[in-house]
PDB file of N, CA and C in Angstrom:
ATOM      1  N   UNK A   1       0.802  -1.523  -0.217  1.00  0.00           N
ATOM      2  CA  UNK A   1      -0.313  -0.249   0.171  1.00  0.00           C
ATOM      3  C   UNK A   1       0.751   1.266   0.063  1.00  0.00           C
ATOM      4  N   UNK A   2       2.190   1.065   0.859  1.00  0.00           N
ATOM      5  CA  UNK A   2       2.904   2.239   0.766  1.00  0.00           C
ATOM      6  C   UNK A   2       3.407   2.455  -0.403  1.00  0.00           C
ATOM      7  N   UNK A   3       4.139   1.488  -1.280  1.00  0.00           N
ATOM      8  CA  UNK A   3       4.648   1.930  -2.580  1.00  0.00           C
ATOM      9  C   UNK A   3       3.766   2.274  -3.622  1.00  0.00           C
ATOM     10  N   UNK A   4       2.470   2.014  -3.423  1.00  0.00           N
ATOM     11  CA  UNK A   4       1.493   2.491  -4.607  1.00  0.00           C
ATOM     12  C   UNK A   4       1.043   4.089  -4.223  1.00  0.00           C
ATOM     13  N   UNK A   5       0.657   4.217  -2.989  1.00  0.00           N
ATOM     14  CA  UNK A   5       0.330   6.281  -2.405  1.00  0.00           C
ATOM     15  C   UNK A   5       1.807   6.686  -2.773  1.00  0.00           C
ATOM     16  N   UNK A   6       2.764   6.106  -2.582  1.00  0.00           N
ATOM     17  CA  UNK A   6       4.262   6.880  -3.057  1.00  0.00           C
ATOM     18  C   UNK A   6       3.789   6.992  -4.305  1.00  0.00           C
ATOM     19  N   UNK A   7       3.905   5.579  -5.171  1.00  0.00           N
ATOM     20  CA  UNK A   7       4.071   6.211  -6.980  1.00  0.00           C
ATOM     21  C   UNK A   7       2.971   7.226  -7.110  1.00  0.00           C
ATOM     22  N   UNK A   8       1.678   7.448  -6.869  1.00  0.00           N
ATOM     23  CA  UNK A   8       0.273   8.287  -7.160  1.00  0.00           C
ATOM     24  C   UNK A   8       1.156   9.719  -6.779  1.00  0.00           C
ATOM     25  N   UNK A   9       1.548   9.695  -5.464  1.00  0.00           N
ATOM     26  CA  UNK A   9       2.331  11.267  -5.055  1.00  0.00           C
ATOM     27  C   UNK A   9       2.952  11.547  -6.045  1.00  0.00           C
ATOM     28  N   UNK A  10       4.225  10.292  -6.245  1.00  0.00           N
ATOM     29  CA  UNK A  10       5.227  11.067  -6.962  1.00  0.00           C
ATOM     30  C   UNK A  10       4.856  11.606  -8.580  1.00  0.00           C
ATOM     31  N   UNK A  11       4.063  10.423  -8.983  1.00  0.00           N
ATOM     32  CA  UNK A  11       3.249  11.672 -10.687  1.00  0.00           C
ATOM     33  C   UNK A  11       2.104  12.355 -10.285  1.00  0.00           C
ATOM     34  N   UNK A  12       2.064  12.601  -9.322  1.00  0.00           N
ATOM     35  CA  UNK A  12       0.691  13.896  -9.416  1.00  0.00           C
ATOM     36  C   UNK A  12       1.415  14.968  -9.171  1.00  0.00           C
ATOM     37  N   UNK A  13       2.633  15.049  -8.305  1.00  0.00           N
ATOM     38  CA  UNK A  13       3.594  16.422  -8.457  1.00  0.00           C
ATOM     39  C   UNK A  13       3.809  16.505  -9.309  1.00  0.00           C
ATOM     40  N   UNK A  14       4.794  15.481 -10.611  1.00  0.00           N
ATOM     41  CA  UNK A  14       4.975  15.567 -11.415  1.00  0.00           C
ATOM     42  C   UNK A  14       3.903  16.479 -12.517  1.00  0.00           C
ATOM     43  N   UNK A  15       2.943  15.602 -12.427  1.00  0.00           N
ATOM     44  CA  UNK A  15       1.552  16.430 -13.395  1.00  0.00           C
ATOM     45  C   UNK A  15       1.529  17.616 -13.257  1.00  0.00           C
ATOM     46  N   UNK A  16       1.286  18.090 -11.711  1.00  0.00           N
ATOM     47  CA  UNK A  16       1.245  19.609 -11.251  1.00  0.00           C
ATOM     48  C   UNK A  16       2.182  20.642 -12.315  1.00  0.00           C
ATOM     49  N   UNK A  17       3.609  19.678 -11.621  1.00  0.00           N
ATOM     50  CA  UNK A  17       4.877  20.904 -12.808  1.00  0.00           C
ATOM     51  C   UNK A  17       4.417  20.960 -14.103  1.00  0.00           C
ATOM     52  N   UNK A  18       4.200  20.213 -14.916  1.00  0.00           N
ATOM     53  CA  UNK A  18       3.673  20.393 -16.148  1.00  0.00           C
ATOM     54  C   UNK A  18       2.315  21.123 -16.908  1.00  0.00           C
ATOM     55  N   UNK A  19       1.704  21.490 -15.905  1.00  0.00           N
ATOM     56  CA  UNK A  19       0.453  21.577 -15.864  1.00  0.00           C
ATOM     57  C   UNK A  19       0.872  22.978 -17.111  1.00  0.00           C
ATOM     58  N   UNK A  20       1.669  23.726 -16.500  1.00  0.00           N
ATOM     59  CA  UNK A  20       2.225  25.467 -16.609  1.00  0.00           C
ATOM     60  C   UNK A  20       3.120  25.300 -18.040  1.00  0.00           C
ATOM     61  N   UNK A  21       3.811  24.148 -17.783  1.00  0.00           N
ATOM     62  CA  UNK A  21       4.921  24.224 -19.245  1.00  0.00           C
ATOM     63  C   UNK A  21       4.766  23.856 -20.069  1.00  0.00           C
ATOM     64  N   UNK A  22       3.461  24.242 -20.913  1.00  0.00           N
ATOM     65  CA  UNK A  22       3.488  24.703 -21.988  1.00  0.00           C
ATOM     66  C   UNK A  22       2.907  25.732 -22.755  1.00  0.00           C
ATOM     67  N   UNK A  23       2.987  26.920 -21.980  1.00  0.00           N
ATOM     68  CA  UNK A  23       2.778  28.127 -22.334  1.00  0.00           C
ATOM     69  C   UNK A  23       3.365  28.813 -23.152  1.00  0.00           C
ATOM     70  N   UNK A  24       4.408  28.860 -22.821  1.00  0.00           N
ATOM     71  CA  UNK A  24       5.568  30.077 -23.564  1.00  0.00           C
ATOM     72  C   UNK A  24       6.027  28.986 -24.764  1.00  0.00           C
ATOM     73  N   UNK A  25       5.683  27.837 -24.954  1.00  0.00           N
ATOM     74  CA  UNK A  25       6.524  26.779 -25.596  1.00  0.00           C
ATOM     75  C   UNK A  25       6.116  26.402 -27.228  1.00  0.00           C
ATOM     76  N   UNK A  26       7.013  26.733 -28.207  1.00  0.00           N
ATOM     77  CA  UNK A  26       6.562  26.696 -29.610  1.00  0.00           C
ATOM     78  C   UNK A  26       6.509  25.519 -30.346  1.00  0.00           C
ATOM     79  N   UNK A  27       6.246  24.974 -31.160  1.00  0.00           N
ATOM     80  CA  UNK A  27       6.366  23.694 -31.880  1.00  0.00           C
ATOM     81  C   UNK A  27       8.113  23.217 -31.891  1.00  0.00           C
ATOM     82  N   UNK A  28       8.923  24.061 -32.523  1.00  0.00           N
ATOM     83  CA  UNK A  28      10.099  23.873 -32.661  1.00  0.00           C
ATOM     84  C   UNK A  28      10.873  22.686 -31.486  1.00  0.00           C
ATOM     85  N   UNK A  29       9.975  23.736 -30.171  1.00  0.00           N
ATOM     86  CA  UNK A  29      10.717  23.098 -28.859  1.00  0.00           C
ATOM     87  C   UNK A  29      10.217  21.047 -28.381  1.00  0.00           C
ATOM     88  N   UNK A  30      11.473  20.380 -28.705  1.00  0.00           N
ATOM     89  CA  UNK A  30      11.580  18.893 -28.378  1.00  0.00           C
ATOM     90  C   UNK A  30      11.462  19.129 -26.388  1.00  0.00           C
ATOM     91  N   UNK A  31      10.998  18.283 -25.948  1.00  0.00           N
ATOM     92  CA  UNK A  31      10.609  18.085 -24.498  1.00  0.00           C
ATOM     93  C   UNK A  31      11.520  16.645 -24.547  1.00  0.00           C
ATOM     94  N   UNK A  32      12.188  16.599 -23.765  1.00  0.00           N
ATOM     95  CA  UNK A  32      13.251  15.444 -23.136  1.00  0.00           C
ATOM     96  C   UNK A  32      12.150  14.449 -22.909  1.00  0.00           C
ATOM     97  N   UNK A  33      12.071  12.630 -22.479  1.00  0.00           N
ATOM     98  CA  UNK A  33      11.184  12.072 -22.796  1.00  0.00           C
ATOM     99  C   UNK A  33      11.141  11.557 -20.888  1.00  0.00           C
ATOM    100  N   UNK A  34      10.197  11.404 -20.723  1.00  0.00           N
ATOM    101  CA  UNK A  34       8.981  11.873 -19.428  1.00  0.00           C
ATOM    102  C   UNK A  34       9.666   9.932 -19.006  1.00  0.00           C
ATOM    103  N   UNK A  35      10.536   9.877 -18.048  1.00  0.00           N
ATOM    104  CA  UNK A  35      10.468   8.594 -17.258  1.00  0.00           C
ATOM    105  C   UNK A  35       9.990   8.906 -16.267  1.00  0.00           C
ATOM    106  N   UNK A  36       9.353   9.231 -15.762  1.00  0.00           N
ATOM    107  CA  UNK A  36       8.430   9.041 -14.292  1.00  0.00           C
ATOM    108  C   UNK A  36       7.721   7.950 -14.287  1.00  0.00           C
ATOM    109  N   UNK A  37       6.960   7.805 -15.125  1.00  0.00           N
ATOM    110  CA  UNK A  37       6.286   6.767 -14.886  1.00  0.00           C
ATOM    111  C   UNK A  37       6.456   5.591 -15.283  1.00  0.00           C
ATOM    112  N   UNK A  38       7.336   5.713 -16.221  1.00  0.00           N
ATOM    113  CA  UNK A  38       8.284   4.223 -16.134  1.00  0.00           C
ATOM    114  C   UNK A  38       8.646   4.200 -15.052  1.00  0.00           C
ATOM    115  N   UNK A  39       9.337   4.343 -14.358  1.00  0.00           N
ATOM    116  CA  UNK A  39      10.115   3.939 -13.077  1.00  0.00           C
ATOM    117  C   UNK A  39       9.597   4.167 -11.890  1.00  0.00           C
ATOM    118  N   UNK A  40       7.973   4.589 -11.648  1.00  0.00           N
ATOM    119  CA  UNK A  40       7.217   4.370 -10.330  1.00  0.00           C
ATOM    120  C   UNK A  40       6.622   3.539 -10.637  1.00  0.00           C
ATOM    121  N   UNK A  41       5.983   3.247 -11.766  1.00  0.00           N
ATOM    122  CA  UNK A  41       5.204   1.580 -12.149  1.00  0.00           C
ATOM    123  C   UNK A  41       6.658   0.440 -12.254  1.00  0.00           C
ATOM    124  N   UNK A  42       7.136   1.040 -13.088  1.00  0.00           N
ATOM    125  CA  UNK A  42       8.425  -0.442 -12.052  1.00  0.00           C
ATOM    126  C   UNK A  42       8.844  -0.474 -11.035  1.00  0.00           C
ATOM    127  N   UNK A  43       9.237   0.375 -10.451  1.00  0.00           N
ATOM    128  CA  UNK A  43       9.764   0.056  -8.845  1.00  0.00           C
ATOM    129  C   UNK A  43       7.923  -0.131  -8.428  1.00  0.00           C
ATOM    130  N   UNK A  44       6.898  -0.388  -8.525  1.00  0.00           N
ATOM    131  CA  UNK A  44       5.640  -1.061  -7.946  1.00  0.00           C
ATOM    132  C   UNK A  44       5.930  -1.957  -8.328  1.00  0.00           C
ATOM    133  N   UNK A  45       6.234  -2.385  -9.558  1.00  0.00           N
ATOM    134  CA  UNK A  45       6.434  -3.728  -9.583  1.00  0.00           C
ATOM    135  C   UNK A  45       7.204  -4.872  -9.295  1.00  0.00           C
ATOM    136  N   UNK A  46       8.440  -3.949  -9.689  1.00  0.00           N
ATOM    137  CA  UNK A  46       9.148  -4.803  -8.477  1.00  0.00           C
ATOM    138  C   UNK A  46       9.140  -4.839  -6.809  1.00  0.00           C
ATOM    139  N   UNK A  47       8.041  -4.095  -6.341  1.00  0.00           N
ATOM    140  CA  UNK A  47       7.976  -4.725  -4.835  1.00  0.00           C
ATOM    141  C   UNK A  47       7.189  -5.558  -5.147  1.00  0.00           C
ATOM    142  N   UNK A  48       6.104  -4.882  -5.773  1.00  0.00           N
ATOM    143  CA  UNK A  48       4.987  -6.243  -5.395  1.00  0.00           C
ATOM    144  C   UNK A  48       5.781  -8.095  -5.795  1.00  0.00           C
ATOM    145  N   UNK A  49       5.649  -8.012  -7.483  1.00  0.00           N
ATOM    146  CA  UNK A  49       7.412  -9.347  -7.729  1.00  0.00           C
ATOM    147  C   UNK A  49       7.994 -10.253  -6.607  1.00  0.00           C
ATOM    148  N   UNK A  50       8.707  -9.274  -5.865  1.00  0.00           N
ATOM    149  CA  UNK A  50       9.401  -9.488  -4.812  1.00  0.00           C
ATOM    150  C   UNK A  50       8.421 -10.081  -3.130  1.00  0.00           C
ATOM    151  N   UNK A  51       7.798  -9.352  -3.324  1.00  0.00           N
ATOM    152  CA  UNK A  51       6.551  -9.004  -2.180  1.00  0.00           C
ATOM    153  C   UNK A  51       6.136 -11.195  -2.491  1.00  0.00           C
ATOM    154  N   UNK A  52       5.595 -11.622  -4.078  1.00  0.00           N
ATOM    155  CA  UNK A  52       5.192 -12.523  -4.545  1.00  0.00           C
ATOM    156  C   UNK A  52       6.011 -13.216  -4.543  1.00  0.00           C
ATOM    157  N   UNK A  53       7.075 -13.601  -4.679  1.00  0.00           N
ATOM    158  CA  UNK A  53       8.121 -14.603  -5.070  1.00  0.00           C
ATOM    159  C   UNK A  53       8.746 -14.922  -3.486  1.00  0.00           C
ATOM    160  N   UNK A  54       8.225 -13.960  -2.426  1.00  0.00           N
ATOM    161  CA  UNK A  54       8.311 -14.310  -0.865  1.00  0.00           C
ATOM    162  C   UNK A  54       7.612 -15.197  -0.281  1.00  0.00           C
ATOM    163  N   UNK A  55       6.006 -14.974  -1.165  1.00  0.00           N
ATOM    164  CA  UNK A  55       4.851 -15.676  -0.092  1.00  0.00           C
ATOM    165  C   UNK A  55       4.743 -16.940  -0.929  1.00  0.00           C
ATOM    166  N   UNK A  56       5.423 -17.000  -1.633  1.00  0.00           N
ATOM    167  CA  UNK A  56       5.203 -18.172  -2.787  1.00  0.00           C
ATOM    168  C   UNK A  56       6.042 -19.379  -2.192  1.00  0.00           C
ATOM    169  N   UNK A  57       7.334 -18.460  -1.674  1.00  0.00           N
ATOM    170  CA  UNK A  57       8.614 -19.344  -0.744  1.00  0.00           C
ATOM    171  C   UNK A  57       8.457 -19.868   0.741  1.00  0.00           C
ATOM    172  N   UNK A  58       7.532 -18.736   0.965  1.00  0.00           N
ATOM    173  CA  UNK A  58       7.105 -18.968   2.449  1.00  0.00           C
ATOM    174  C   UNK A  58       5.571 -20.229   2.938  1.00  0.00           C
ATOM    175  N   UNK A  59       5.122 -20.355   1.298  1.00  0.00           N
ATOM    176  CA  UNK A  59       4.086 -21.865   1.176  1.00  0.00           C
ATOM    177  C   UNK A  59       2.824 -20.810   0.707  1.00  0.00           C
ATOM    178  N   UNK A  60       2.845 -19.664   0.433  1.00  0.00           N
ATOM    179  CA  UNK A  60       1.424 -19.171   0.120  1.00  0.00           C
ATOM    180  C   UNK A  60       0.915 -19.087  -1.233  1.00  0.00           C
ATOM    181  N   UNK A  61       0.775 -20.349  -1.722  1.00  0.00           N
ATOM    182  CA  UNK A  61       1.382 -20.324  -3.416  1.00  0.00           C
ATOM    183  C   UNK A  61      -0.383 -19.466  -4.164  1.00  0.00           C
ATOM    184  N   UNK A  62      -1.630 -19.540  -3.538  1.00  0.00           N
ATOM    185  CA  UNK A  62      -2.175 -18.606  -4.328  1.00  0.00           C
ATOM    186  C   UNK A  62      -2.241 -17.315  -4.194  1.00  0.00           C
ATOM    187  N   UNK A  63      -2.141 -16.619  -2.886  1.00  0.00           N
ATOM    188  CA  UNK A  63      -1.855 -15.614  -2.771  1.00  0.00           C
ATOM    189  C   UNK A  63      -0.675 -15.285  -3.697  1.00  0.00           C
ATOM    190  N   UNK A  64       0.397 -15.935  -3.685  1.00  0.00           N
ATOM    191  CA  UNK A  64       1.801 -15.443  -4.826  1.00  0.00           C
ATOM    192  C   UNK A  64       1.066 -15.349  -5.841  1.00  0.00           C
ATOM    193  N   UNK A  65       0.569 -16.122  -6.368  1.00  0.00           N
ATOM    194  CA  UNK A  65      -0.149 -16.646  -7.813  1.00  0.00           C
ATOM    195  C   UNK A  65      -0.843 -14.895  -8.263  1.00  0.00           C
ATOM    196  N   UNK A  66      -1.566 -14.808  -7.514  1.00  0.00           N
ATOM    197  CA  UNK A  66      -2.304 -13.240  -7.474  1.00  0.00           C
ATOM    198  C   UNK A  66      -1.550 -12.385  -7.568  1.00  0.00           C
ATOM    199  N   UNK A  67      -0.571 -12.554  -6.124  1.00  0.00           N
ATOM    200  CA  UNK A  67       0.251 -10.888  -7.067  1.00  0.00           C
ATOM    201  C   UNK A  67       1.312 -11.189  -8.354  1.00  0.00           C
ATOM    202  N   UNK A  68       1.908 -12.238  -8.351  1.00  0.00           N
ATOM    203  CA  UNK A  68       2.692 -12.402  -9.888  1.00  0.00           C
ATOM    204  C   UNK A  68       1.669 -12.087 -10.895  1.00  0.00           C
ATOM    205  N   UNK A  69       0.521 -12.355 -10.998  1.00  0.00           N
ATOM    206  CA  UNK A  69      -0.312 -11.614 -11.705  1.00  0.00           C
ATOM    207  C   UNK A  69      -0.516 -10.451 -11.760  1.00  0.00           C
ATOM    208  N   UNK A  70      -0.437  -9.753 -10.678  1.00  0.00           N
ATOM    209  CA  UNK A  70      -0.842  -7.821 -10.756  1.00  0.00           C
ATOM    210  C   UNK A  70       0.706  -7.879 -11.217  1.00  0.00           C
ATOM    211  N   UNK A  71       1.761  -8.049 -10.513  1.00  0.00           N
ATOM    212  CA  UNK A  71       2.973  -7.725 -11.180  1.00  0.00           C
ATOM    213  C   UNK A  71       3.523  -7.522 -12.166  1.00  0.00           C
ATOM    214  N   UNK A  72       2.705  -8.920 -13.371  1.00  0.00           N
ATOM    215  CA  UNK A  72       2.819  -8.849 -15.021  1.00  0.00           C
ATOM    216  C   UNK A  72       2.084  -7.774 -15.131  1.00  0.00           C
ATOM    217  N   UNK A  73       0.577  -7.223 -14.512  1.00  0.00           N
ATOM    218  CA  UNK A  73      -0.154  -6.426 -15.451  1.00  0.00           C
ATOM    219  C   UNK A  73       0.630  -4.904 -14.901  1.00  0.00           C
ATOM    220  N   UNK A  74       1.548  -4.856 -14.113  1.00  0.00           N
ATOM    221  CA  UNK A  74       2.051  -3.575 -13.687  1.00  0.00           C
ATOM    222  C   UNK A  74       3.255  -3.215 -14.867  1.00  0.00           C
ATOM    223  N   UNK A  75       4.036  -4.337 -14.890  1.00  0.00           N
ATOM    224  CA  UNK A  75       5.064  -4.514 -16.189  1.00  0.00           C
ATOM    225  C   UNK A  75       4.363  -4.272 -16.837  1.00  0.00           C
ATOM    226  N   UNK A  76       3.128  -4.531 -17.444  1.00  0.00           N
ATOM    227  CA  UNK A  76       3.366  -4.459 -19.152  1.00  0.00           C
ATOM    228  C   UNK A  76       2.229  -2.524 -18.961  1.00  0.00           C
ATOM    229  N   UNK A  77       1.483  -2.294 -18.245  1.00  0.00           N
ATOM    230  CA  UNK A  77       1.322  -0.738 -17.559  1.00  0.00           C
ATOM    231  C   UNK A  77       2.507   0.054 -17.936  1.00  0.00           C
ATOM    232  N   UNK A  78       3.800  -0.187 -17.174  1.00  0.00           N
ATOM    233  CA  UNK A  78       5.030   0.659 -17.442  1.00  0.00           C
ATOM    234  C   UNK A  78       5.579   0.433 -18.664  1.00  0.00           C
ATOM    235  N   UNK A  79       5.503  -0.692 -19.288  1.00  0.00           N
ATOM    236  CA  UNK A  79       5.709  -0.352 -20.677  1.00  0.00           C
ATOM    237  C   UNK A  79       5.014   0.086 -21.627  1.00  0.00           C
ATOM    238  N   UNK A  80       3.760   0.373 -21.169  1.00  0.00           N
ATOM    239  CA  UNK A  80       3.066   1.422 -22.314  1.00  0.00           C
ATOM    240  C   UNK A  80       2.989   2.879 -22.332  1.00  0.00           C
ATOM    241  N   UNK A  81       4.126   3.188 -20.933  1.00  0.00           N
ATOM    242  CA  UNK A  81       4.171   4.573 -20.768  1.00  0.00           C
ATOM    243  C   UNK A  81       5.794   5.151 -21.312  1.00  0.00           C
ATOM    244  N   UNK A  82       6.026   3.567 -22.173  1.00  0.00           N
ATOM    245  CA  UNK A  82       7.844   3.808 -22.491  1.00  0.00           C
ATOM    246  C   UNK A  82       7.866   4.998 -23.412  1.00  0.00           C
ATOM    247  N   UNK A  83       8.899   5.767 -23.413  1.00  0.00           N
ATOM    248  CA  UNK A  83       9.027   6.951 -24.593  1.00  0.00           C
ATOM    249  C   UNK A  83       9.437   6.536 -25.764  1.00  0.00           C
TER     250      UNK A  83
END
Protein backbone atom coordinates (compact mmCIF):
# COMPACT_ATOMS: atom_id res chain seq x y z
CA UNK A 1 0.00 0.00 0.00
CA UNK A 2 2.78 2.41 0.89
CA UNK A 3 4.55 1.85 -2.44
CA UNK A 4 1.30 2.46 -4.33
CA UNK A 5 0.66 5.71 -2.49
CA UNK A 6 4.25 6.81 -3.12
CA UNK A 7 3.93 6.19 -6.88
CA UNK A 8 0.59 8.04 -7.01
CA UNK A 9 2.02 11.02 -5.12
CA UNK A 10 5.14 11.22 -7.30
CA UNK A 11 3.16 11.01 -10.54
CA UNK A 12 0.66 13.60 -9.31
CA UNK A 13 3.37 16.07 -8.34
CA UNK A 14 5.08 15.61 -11.70
CA UNK A 15 1.77 16.24 -13.49
CA UNK A 16 1.17 19.42 -11.49
CA UNK A 17 4.63 20.67 -12.42
CA UNK A 18 3.92 20.27 -16.13
CA UNK A 19 0.56 22.03 -16.19
CA UNK A 20 2.02 25.47 -16.99
CA UNK A 21 5.07 24.25 -18.89
CA UNK A 22 3.41 24.31 -22.32
CA UNK A 23 2.32 27.97 -22.26
CA UNK A 24 5.52 29.53 -23.63
CA UNK A 25 6.70 26.73 -25.88
CA UNK A 26 6.66 26.65 -29.64
CA UNK A 27 6.31 23.63 -31.89
CA UNK A 28 10.07 23.63 -32.57
CA UNK A 29 10.86 22.93 -28.90
CA UNK A 30 11.26 19.20 -28.30
CA UNK A 31 10.64 18.02 -24.77
CA UNK A 32 12.88 15.34 -23.29
CA UNK A 33 11.21 11.98 -22.66
CA UNK A 34 9.41 11.64 -19.34
CA UNK A 35 10.71 8.62 -17.46
CA UNK A 36 8.67 9.27 -14.29
CA UNK A 37 5.76 6.90 -14.99
CA UNK A 38 8.07 4.16 -16.25
CA UNK A 39 10.28 4.34 -13.17
CA UNK A 40 7.30 4.68 -10.81
CA UNK A 41 5.32 1.74 -12.14
CA UNK A 42 8.51 -0.28 -12.58
CA UNK A 43 9.44 0.23 -8.93
CA UNK A 44 5.92 -0.71 -7.86
CA UNK A 45 6.08 -3.84 -10.04
CA UNK A 46 9.41 -4.73 -8.45
CA UNK A 47 7.97 -4.45 -4.93
CA UNK A 48 4.91 -6.50 -5.87
CA UNK A 49 7.07 -9.12 -7.60
CA UNK A 50 9.42 -9.48 -4.64
CA UNK A 51 6.45 -9.80 -2.30
CA UNK A 52 5.00 -12.49 -4.58
CA UNK A 53 8.23 -14.46 -4.61
CA UNK A 54 8.43 -14.24 -0.82
CA UNK A 55 4.83 -15.43 -0.47
CA UNK A 56 5.39 -18.38 -2.79
CA UNK A 57 8.61 -19.26 -0.96
CA UNK A 58 6.83 -19.18 2.42
CA UNK A 59 4.09 -21.47 1.13
CA UNK A 60 1.18 -19.18 0.23
CA UNK A 61 0.99 -20.30 -3.38
CA UNK A 62 -2.43 -18.88 -4.29
CA UNK A 63 -1.76 -15.43 -2.87
CA UNK A 64 1.69 -15.46 -4.47
CA UNK A 65 0.19 -16.34 -7.85
CA UNK A 66 -2.25 -13.43 -7.57
CA UNK A 67 0.64 -11.12 -6.67
CA UNK A 68 2.64 -12.38 -9.66
CA UNK A 69 -0.34 -11.66 -11.91
CA UNK A 70 -0.53 -8.11 -10.54
CA UNK A 71 3.20 -7.77 -11.11
CA UNK A 72 2.80 -8.72 -14.78
CA UNK A 73 -0.07 -6.24 -15.17
CA UNK A 74 2.09 -3.47 -13.66
CA UNK A 75 5.00 -4.35 -15.95
CA UNK A 76 2.76 -4.17 -19.02
CA UNK A 77 1.35 -0.86 -17.78
CA UNK A 78 4.88 0.52 -17.25
CA UNK A 79 5.91 -0.54 -20.74
CA UNK A 80 2.87 1.32 -22.09
CA UNK A 81 4.46 4.57 -20.84
CA UNK A 82 7.81 3.81 -22.46
CA UNK A 83 8.90 6.91 -24.44
